[in-house]
Amino acid sequence: MAEKNDDFEKEDIVEQNSEALNEEELHVFSITDEEDEEHHFALVSEFEDDGKNYWVCEELFFDEEDEISVDEEAYVLFRAEEDDGNTFLFSLEDDEFEKASQKWNELCDAMIDEDE
């Protein structure tokens, strides 16, 4: 379990470079993993499935000049739970990831069908 941290030091850099990511406004947060490494994410979308809330995120990568890049072909899913006004993010086990990922793909297909 990881609590999201909205106050990471590279937030100003993200705001300055958000146009490069083709995003008008990004909800950016960081989490620290079990190995005490910090990871930065942008929230792409949220959805609910079977009463659980999921966040679809892209991981942000910073180079030596603090330029931001993302792997637009990959996404990270977290289960998000609220407690006393705090958001806690949970990694998904394989079965839950497969189910939530399938739901996300169905939602994406539906959005594409609407646009056509």
Protein backbone atom coordinates (compact mmCIF):
# COMPACT_ATOMS: atom_id res chain seq x y z
CA MET A 1 0.00 0.00 0.00
CA ALA A 2 1.26 3.46 -0.80
CA GLU A 3 -0.18 6.81 0.07
CA LYS A 4 -0.03 9.24 -2.78
CA ASN A 5 2.13 12.30 -2.30
CA ASP A 6 1.04 15.39 -4.22
CA ASP A 7 3.96 17.50 -3.03
CA PHE A 8 6.97 16.15 -4.87
CA GLU A 9 9.81 18.43 -5.89
CA LYS A 10 9.45 18.02 -9.64
CA GLU A 11 5.85 19.29 -9.74
CA ASP A 12 6.90 22.67 -11.18
CA ILE A 13 8.84 20.89 -13.91
CA VAL A 14 5.80 18.81 -14.78
CA GLU A 15 3.63 21.92 -15.03
CA GLN A 16 6.17 23.61 -17.29
CA ASN A 17 6.42 20.57 -19.54
CA SER A 18 2.76 19.53 -19.61
CA GLU A 19 2.33 20.82 -23.16
CA ALA A 20 4.99 18.36 -24.31
CA LEU A 21 2.84 15.57 -22.88
CA ASN A 22 -0.21 16.80 -24.83
CA GLU A 23 -2.10 17.42 -21.60
CA GLU A 24 -3.73 20.66 -20.56
CA GLU A 25 -3.89 19.80 -16.87
CA LEU A 26 -2.21 16.86 -15.23
CA HIS A 27 -2.94 15.40 -11.84
CA VAL A 28 0.60 14.38 -10.92
CA PHE A 29 1.61 12.45 -7.85
CA SER A 30 4.49 10.38 -6.59
CA ILE A 31 4.71 7.21 -4.56
CA THR A 32 7.58 5.50 -2.84
CA ASP A 33 7.85 1.76 -3.40
CA GLU A 34 8.96 -0.97 -1.00
CA GLU A 35 12.58 -0.42 -2.05
CA ASP A 36 12.34 3.29 -1.11
CA GLU A 37 12.43 4.45 -4.74
CA GLU A 38 10.21 7.33 -5.77
CA HIS A 39 8.04 7.00 -8.89
CA HIS A 40 6.10 9.83 -10.53
CA PHE A 41 2.75 9.34 -12.25
CA ALA A 42 0.12 11.30 -14.14
CA LEU A 43 -3.49 10.30 -13.60
CA VAL A 44 -5.04 9.58 -17.01
CA SER A 45 -8.49 8.37 -15.98
CA GLU A 46 -10.53 6.77 -13.22
CA PHE A 47 -13.19 4.08 -13.41
CA GLU A 48 -15.20 1.79 -11.18
CA ASP A 49 -15.61 -1.95 -11.54
CA ASP A 50 -17.41 -4.24 -9.08
CA GLY A 51 -17.54 -1.47 -6.48
CA LYS A 52 -13.79 -0.81 -6.62
CA ASN A 53 -12.22 2.42 -7.87
CA TYR A 54 -9.24 2.22 -10.20
CA TRP A 55 -6.77 4.84 -11.38
CA VAL A 56 -5.24 4.55 -14.82
CA CYS A 57 -1.84 6.26 -14.78
CA GLU A 58 1.21 6.85 -16.93
CA GLU A 59 4.60 6.83 -15.26
CA LEU A 60 6.66 9.98 -15.80
CA PHE A 61 10.39 9.72 -16.40
CA PHE A 62 12.87 12.58 -15.95
CA ASP A 63 16.19 12.85 -17.76
CA GLU A 64 19.30 14.75 -16.62
CA GLU A 65 17.85 18.06 -17.86
CA ASP A 66 14.52 17.36 -16.08
CA GLU A 67 12.77 16.81 -19.41
CA ILE A 68 9.73 14.58 -19.01
CA SER A 69 8.94 11.52 -21.06
CA VAL A 70 6.23 8.86 -20.85
CA ASP A 71 5.73 5.48 -22.42
CA GLU A 72 2.38 6.13 -24.09
CA GLU A 73 1.96 2.44 -24.90
CA ALA A 74 2.05 1.44 -21.22
CA TYR A 75 -0.18 2.26 -18.30
CA VAL A 76 -0.24 1.47 -14.61
CA LEU A 77 -3.42 0.51 -12.77
CA PHE A 78 -3.90 1.18 -9.08
CA ARG A 79 -6.88 0.40 -6.88
CA ALA A 80 -7.71 3.66 -5.07
CA GLU A 81 -9.34 3.70 -1.66
CA GLU A 82 -10.34 6.73 0.39
CA ASP A 83 -9.94 6.84 4.17
CA ASP A 84 -10.42 9.99 6.27
CA GLY A 85 -9.87 12.22 3.25
CA ASN A 86 -6.66 10.46 2.20
CA THR A 87 -6.25 8.44 -0.97
CA PHE A 88 -4.39 5.16 -0.69
CA LEU A 89 -3.18 3.34 -3.79
CA PHE A 90 -2.77 -0.41 -3.99
CA SER A 91 -0.89 -2.52 -6.50
CA LEU A 92 -3.01 -5.18 -8.16
CA GLU A 93 -2.46 -8.91 -8.02
CA ASP A 94 -2.43 -10.68 -11.39
CA ASP A 95 -6.11 -11.74 -11.39
CA GLU A 96 -7.37 -8.32 -10.34
CA PHE A 97 -5.06 -6.62 -12.85
CA GLU A 98 -6.37 -8.80 -15.69
CA LYS A 99 -9.99 -8.07 -14.78
CA ALA A 100 -9.47 -4.31 -14.33
CA SER A 101 -7.33 -4.11 -17.47
CA GLN A 102 -10.06 -5.85 -19.48
CA LYS A 103 -12.62 -3.35 -18.14
CA TRP A 104 -10.32 -0.43 -19.05
CA ASN A 105 -9.89 -1.79 -22.59
CA GLU A 106 -13.69 -2.13 -22.93
CA LEU A 107 -14.13 1.48 -21.80
CA CYS A 108 -11.50 2.64 -24.31
CA ASP A 109 -13.20 0.70 -27.12
CA ALA A 110 -16.54 2.30 -26.19
CA MET A 111 -14.98 5.77 -26.29
CA ILE A 112 -13.49 5.07 -29.73
CA ASP A 113 -16.85 3.78 -31.00
CA GLU A 114 -18.53 7.00 -29.78
CA ASP A 115 -16.04 9.11 -31.72
CA GLU A 116 -16.68 7.29 -34.99
